[in-house]
Protein backbone atom coordinates (compact mmCIF):
# COMPACT_ATOMS: atom_id res chain seq x y z
CA MET A 1 6.14 12.48 -3.94
CA LYS A 2 3.41 14.01 -1.82
CA LYS A 3 0.26 11.91 -1.61
CA THR A 4 -3.08 13.56 -2.31
CA VAL A 5 -5.83 12.89 0.22
CA TYR A 6 -9.43 13.87 -0.47
CA GLN A 7 -12.53 14.41 1.63
CA GLU A 8 -15.55 13.71 -0.56
CA LYS A 9 -19.28 13.12 -0.39
CA ILE A 10 -19.54 9.89 -2.36
CA LYS A 11 -22.67 8.11 -3.55
CA ILE A 12 -23.37 4.50 -2.69
CA ILE A 13 -23.86 2.62 -5.95
CA ILE A 14 -24.36 -0.87 -4.54
CA ASN A 15 -24.78 -2.34 -1.06
CA ASN A 16 -24.38 -6.07 -1.57
CA LYS A 17 -25.14 -8.32 1.39
CA ILE A 18 -22.76 -11.28 1.20
CA SER A 19 -24.01 -13.04 4.35
CA ALA A 20 -25.47 -12.18 7.74
CA LYS A 21 -22.03 -10.94 8.81
CA TYR A 22 -20.48 -9.45 5.66
CA PHE A 23 -21.44 -6.85 3.05
CA LYS A 24 -19.79 -4.92 0.25
CA LEU A 25 -20.24 -1.29 -0.78
CA ALA A 26 -19.47 0.10 -4.24
CA LEU A 27 -18.95 3.87 -4.16
CA GLY A 28 -18.37 6.58 -6.73
CA PRO A 29 -17.58 8.54 -8.71
CA ALA A 30 -14.63 9.50 -6.50
CA LYS A 31 -11.22 11.12 -6.83
CA ILE A 32 -10.16 8.66 -4.14
CA ALA A 33 -10.50 5.79 -6.61
CA ARG A 34 -8.15 7.40 -9.11
CA GLN A 35 -5.41 7.88 -6.49
CA ALA A 36 -5.73 4.63 -4.52
CA GLN A 37 -3.11 1.92 -4.22
CA ALA A 38 -3.61 -1.60 -2.89
CA GLY A 39 -3.19 -1.63 0.88
CA GLN A 40 -4.48 1.89 1.45
CA PHE A 41 -7.71 2.59 3.32
CA VAL A 42 -10.49 5.15 3.73
CA GLU A 43 -12.16 6.69 6.78
CA ILE A 44 -15.95 6.67 6.51
CA LYS A 45 -18.39 8.77 8.52
CA VAL A 46 -21.27 6.35 9.00
CA SER A 47 -23.99 8.84 10.02
CA ASP A 48 -24.88 12.51 9.58
CA SER A 49 -24.79 13.09 13.34
CA ASP A 50 -21.86 12.91 15.77
CA ASP A 51 -23.01 9.51 16.96
CA PRO A 52 -20.93 7.41 16.40
CA PHE A 53 -18.29 10.11 16.77
CA LEU A 54 -15.36 8.36 15.10
CA ARG A 55 -15.12 7.43 11.44
CA ARG A 56 -14.66 3.79 10.49
CA PRO A 57 -11.40 2.77 8.74
CA LEU A 58 -11.94 0.32 5.88
CA GLY A 59 -9.41 -1.08 3.42
CA ILE A 60 -9.96 -0.37 -0.27
CA HIS A 61 -11.11 -3.68 -1.67
CA ARG A 62 -11.25 -3.04 -5.42
CA VAL A 63 -11.03 -0.12 -7.84
CA LYS A 64 -12.78 0.17 -11.19
CA GLY A 65 -12.23 3.47 -12.96
CA ASP A 66 -13.55 6.22 -10.71
CA THR A 67 -15.42 3.84 -8.37
CA PHE A 68 -14.12 1.74 -5.51
CA GLU A 69 -15.37 -0.98 -3.19
CA VAL A 70 -15.01 -1.68 0.51
CA LEU A 71 -15.62 -5.07 2.09
CA CYS A 72 -17.12 -4.85 5.57
CA GLU A 73 -17.70 -7.15 8.52
CA ILE A 74 -20.45 -6.26 10.99
CA VAL A 75 -18.62 -6.12 14.31
CA GLY A 76 -20.21 -3.17 16.12
CA ARG A 77 -22.66 -0.30 15.97
CA GLY A 78 -20.82 1.68 13.30
CA SER A 79 -20.57 -1.18 10.82
CA GLU A 80 -24.16 -2.16 11.61
CA ILE A 81 -25.34 1.35 10.66
CA LEU A 82 -23.24 1.23 7.49
CA SER A 83 -24.71 -2.13 6.50
CA HIS A 84 -28.20 -0.56 6.26
CA LYS A 85 -27.21 2.27 3.93
CA LYS A 86 -29.09 2.34 0.63
CA PRO A 87 -27.90 2.90 -2.95
CA GLY A 88 -28.25 6.60 -3.76
CA GLU A 89 -27.26 7.75 -0.27
CA TYR A 90 -24.03 9.68 0.19
CA LEU A 91 -21.18 9.05 2.63
CA ASP A 92 -18.53 11.50 3.83
CA ILE A 93 -15.22 9.73 3.13
CA ILE A 94 -11.55 10.67 3.57
CA GLY A 95 -8.87 8.90 1.56
CA PRO A 96 -6.87 7.28 0.23
CA LEU A 97 -4.90 7.00 3.48
CA GLY A 98 -1.76 5.22 4.59
CA SER A 99 0.96 3.48 2.62
CA GLY A 100 0.11 0.46 0.52
CA PHE A 101 1.89 -2.60 -0.82
CA ASN A 102 4.88 -2.07 -3.07
CA PRO A 103 5.15 -5.11 -5.35
CA ALA A 104 7.00 -3.32 -8.15
CA PRO A 105 10.69 -4.12 -7.50
CA GLY A 106 11.46 -7.53 -8.97
CA THR A 107 7.84 -8.59 -9.37
CA GLN A 108 8.56 -9.97 -12.83
CA HIS A 109 11.12 -12.35 -11.32
CA GLN A 110 9.20 -13.40 -8.21
CA ILE A 111 6.03 -15.40 -7.72
CA PRO A 112 3.68 -13.24 -5.61
CA VAL A 113 2.17 -15.25 -2.75
CA LEU A 114 -0.83 -13.49 -1.20
CA VAL A 115 -1.78 -14.74 2.28
CA ALA A 116 -5.09 -13.70 3.82
CA GLY A 117 -6.59 -14.46 7.19
CA GLY A 118 -10.32 -13.76 7.49
CA MET A 119 -11.13 -10.13 6.65
CA GLY A 120 -7.47 -9.66 5.75
CA VAL A 121 -8.54 -10.67 2.27
CA ALA A 122 -10.05 -7.22 1.64
CA PRO A 123 -6.97 -5.33 0.30
CA LEU A 124 -5.45 -8.41 -1.34
CA VAL A 125 -8.08 -8.57 -4.10
CA PHE A 126 -7.04 -5.06 -5.13
CA LEU A 127 -3.37 -6.12 -4.98
CA ALA A 128 -3.99 -9.20 -7.13
CA GLU A 129 -5.65 -6.98 -9.75
CA GLU A 130 -2.66 -4.63 -9.72
CA ILE A 131 -0.06 -7.36 -10.29
CA ARG A 132 -2.11 -9.73 -12.45
CA PRO A 133 -0.77 -8.57 -15.83
CA GLN A 134 2.80 -9.32 -14.77
CA VAL A 135 2.78 -12.84 -13.39
CA LYS A 136 0.52 -15.66 -12.15
CA THR A 137 -0.29 -15.22 -8.47
CA LEU A 138 -0.66 -17.80 -5.71
CA VAL A 139 -3.30 -17.00 -3.09
CA LEU A 140 -3.60 -18.73 0.29
CA LEU A 141 -6.92 -18.06 2.02
CA GLY A 142 -7.53 -18.84 5.68
CA ALA A 143 -10.74 -18.87 7.71
CA ARG A 144 -12.13 -20.52 10.83
CA THR A 145 -14.67 -22.48 8.78
CA ARG A 146 -15.81 -22.68 5.14
CA ASN A 147 -18.80 -20.41 5.83
CA GLN A 148 -16.44 -17.56 6.74
CA LEU A 149 -14.25 -17.89 3.65
CA LEU A 150 -14.24 -14.78 1.48
CA CYS A 151 -13.36 -13.90 -2.13
CA GLU A 152 -12.35 -17.33 -3.41
CA LYS A 153 -14.34 -16.82 -6.63
CA GLU A 154 -12.91 -13.36 -7.23
CA PHE A 155 -9.32 -14.64 -7.10
CA LYS A 156 -10.07 -17.63 -9.31
CA LYS A 157 -11.77 -15.40 -11.87
CA MET A 158 -8.51 -13.45 -12.13
CA GLY A 159 -6.63 -16.66 -12.87
CA CYS A 160 -4.93 -16.92 -9.48
CA ASP A 161 -3.94 -20.31 -8.09
CA VAL A 162 -6.03 -20.48 -4.89
CA LYS A 163 -5.38 -22.77 -1.93
CA ILE A 164 -7.57 -22.82 1.18
CA ALA A 165 -7.02 -23.53 4.86
CA THR A 166 -9.78 -23.76 7.47
CA ASP A 167 -9.23 -24.21 11.18
CA ASP A 168 -11.89 -26.92 11.40
CA GLY A 169 -10.98 -28.69 8.16
CA SER A 170 -14.39 -28.02 6.60
CA LEU A 171 -12.67 -26.98 3.35
CA GLY A 172 -9.16 -27.47 2.04
CA PHE A 173 -6.18 -27.87 4.36
CA LYS A 174 -7.04 -28.39 8.04
CA GLY A 175 -5.17 -25.86 10.13
CA LYS A 176 -3.92 -22.30 10.07
CA VAL A 177 -3.15 -20.63 6.74
CA THR A 178 0.41 -20.09 8.04
CA ASP A 179 0.73 -23.87 8.46
CA LEU A 180 -0.29 -24.22 4.82
CA LEU A 181 2.28 -21.59 3.85
CA LYS A 182 5.05 -23.37 5.76
CA LYS A 183 4.10 -26.65 4.11
CA PHE A 184 4.35 -25.00 0.71
CA VAL A 185 7.57 -23.03 1.18
CA PRO A 186 10.38 -25.63 1.27
CA GLY A 187 9.51 -27.23 -2.07
CA ALA A 188 8.54 -24.03 -3.86
CA ILE A 189 11.61 -22.06 -2.89
CA ARG A 190 13.87 -24.52 -4.73
CA HIS A 191 12.09 -23.87 -8.04
CA SER A 192 11.39 -20.16 -8.14
CA PRO A 193 11.93 -17.08 -5.94
CA PHE A 194 8.79 -15.58 -4.47
CA ALA A 195 7.60 -12.76 -2.25
CA ILE A 196 4.87 -12.76 0.38
CA TYR A 197 2.13 -10.13 0.76
CA ALA A 198 -0.13 -10.69 3.76
CA CYS A 199 -3.00 -9.22 5.72
CA GLY A 200 -4.77 -10.69 8.71
CA PRO A 201 -4.71 -10.98 12.50
CA HIS A 202 -1.54 -10.16 14.43
CA PRO A 203 -0.61 -13.78 15.35
CA MET A 204 -0.84 -14.76 11.66
CA LEU A 205 1.41 -11.90 10.58
CA LYS A 206 3.90 -12.66 13.35
CA ALA A 207 4.10 -16.26 12.11
CA ILE A 208 4.61 -15.05 8.54
CA ALA A 209 7.44 -12.78 9.70
CA ALA A 210 9.12 -15.83 11.28
CA ILE A 211 8.73 -17.85 8.06
CA SER A 212 10.07 -14.91 6.06
CA LYS A 213 13.15 -14.70 8.28
CA GLU A 214 13.78 -18.46 8.37
CA TYR A 215 13.66 -18.90 4.59
CA LYS A 216 14.95 -15.43 3.65
CA ILE A 217 11.78 -14.59 1.72
CA PRO A 218 10.82 -10.91 1.33
CA ALA A 219 7.46 -10.24 2.96
CA GLN A 220 5.17 -7.22 3.30
CA VAL A 221 2.43 -7.29 5.93
CA SER A 222 -0.62 -5.07 6.38
CA LEU A 223 -1.27 -4.54 10.08
CA GLU A 224 -4.76 -4.51 11.54
CA GLU A 225 -4.69 -2.02 14.41
CA HIS A 226 -7.44 0.04 16.05
CA MET A 227 -7.45 3.47 14.44
CA ALA A 228 -9.18 6.62 15.64
CA CYS A 229 -8.26 9.62 13.51
CA GLY A 230 -6.72 7.72 10.56
CA ILE A 231 -4.41 10.62 9.68
CA GLY A 232 -1.57 10.19 12.20
CA ALA A 233 -2.63 12.90 14.66
CA CYS A 234 -3.91 10.92 17.66
CA LEU A 235 -1.03 8.40 17.92
CA GLY A 236 -3.52 5.70 18.89
CA CYS A 237 -2.19 3.08 16.46
CA VAL A 238 1.58 3.20 16.95
CA VAL A 239 3.67 0.03 16.69
CA ASN A 240 7.26 -0.66 17.65
CA THR A 241 9.60 -1.06 14.68
CA ARG A 242 13.35 -1.31 14.20
CA LYS A 243 13.23 2.34 13.11
CA GLY A 244 11.32 3.50 16.19
CA MET A 245 7.61 3.92 16.87
CA LYS A 246 5.55 4.18 13.69
CA ARG A 247 1.89 5.06 13.08
CA VAL A 248 -0.01 2.27 11.34
CA CYS A 249 -2.42 4.76 9.76
CA LYS A 250 0.37 6.95 8.38
CA GLU A 251 3.64 5.07 7.85
CA GLY A 252 1.62 1.86 7.43
CA PRO A 253 -0.58 -0.06 7.37
CA VAL A 254 1.89 -1.98 5.15
CA PHE A 255 5.36 -2.63 6.54
CA GLY A 256 8.21 -4.94 5.73
CA ALA A 257 7.77 -7.97 7.99
CA GLU A 258 11.37 -7.68 9.13
CA ASP A 259 10.83 -4.08 10.28
CA ILE A 260 8.26 -4.88 12.98
CA ILE A 261 9.37 -5.80 16.51
CA TRP A 262 6.88 -8.58 17.13
């Protein structure tokens, strides 16, 4: 079925500063919200001029009716400009773009395990809301330190079982979130089948793909690649897969972990 993509002028409802580095925008009303699936993203024009020239790709964080949220990290000039936008202002946005997670087949018979590294948590909140009515969800959150941990409260409010890993041991398990996953897998797999849905940095996703292969666990991963156009025209975000070169912004950002040539 052909996917509908919209270009809309959408009002900022809320700009919520989470910390010095992170903020969240609520936007709407928008046709984008009514079409979006977890794992898809939008391209946002951050100013009315051509500077910055390129739009900023941001994963859809949550959807409520005809509004949606994006979770942002300030990493450069574009996100810095976006962080200062006020409620009532309008943004030119294209979306929903890309292919999202597909948890439907067998979800009722598998425990969903959501694994997030840093800002990779952004699309997984939306995914947890999509699958919540079907089965209890396990969420593994990873961050460098406790001050960079995101969305723990949101997942717990949904009734998810949340486990935390920090690189410095300031909260939860000390080490990488993939180390926590590997510690969990052997015992859990004997009791119930599960499937992994992950988003985060490339080394984390590569490690998850290896765990998926070793234990024969189905896994879907959302790749974080630099995107320019966001619609598959510029070929700036291609990755090598077992089915040839694929565009992360078009055929992805979600792929089967086994499909990527890491």
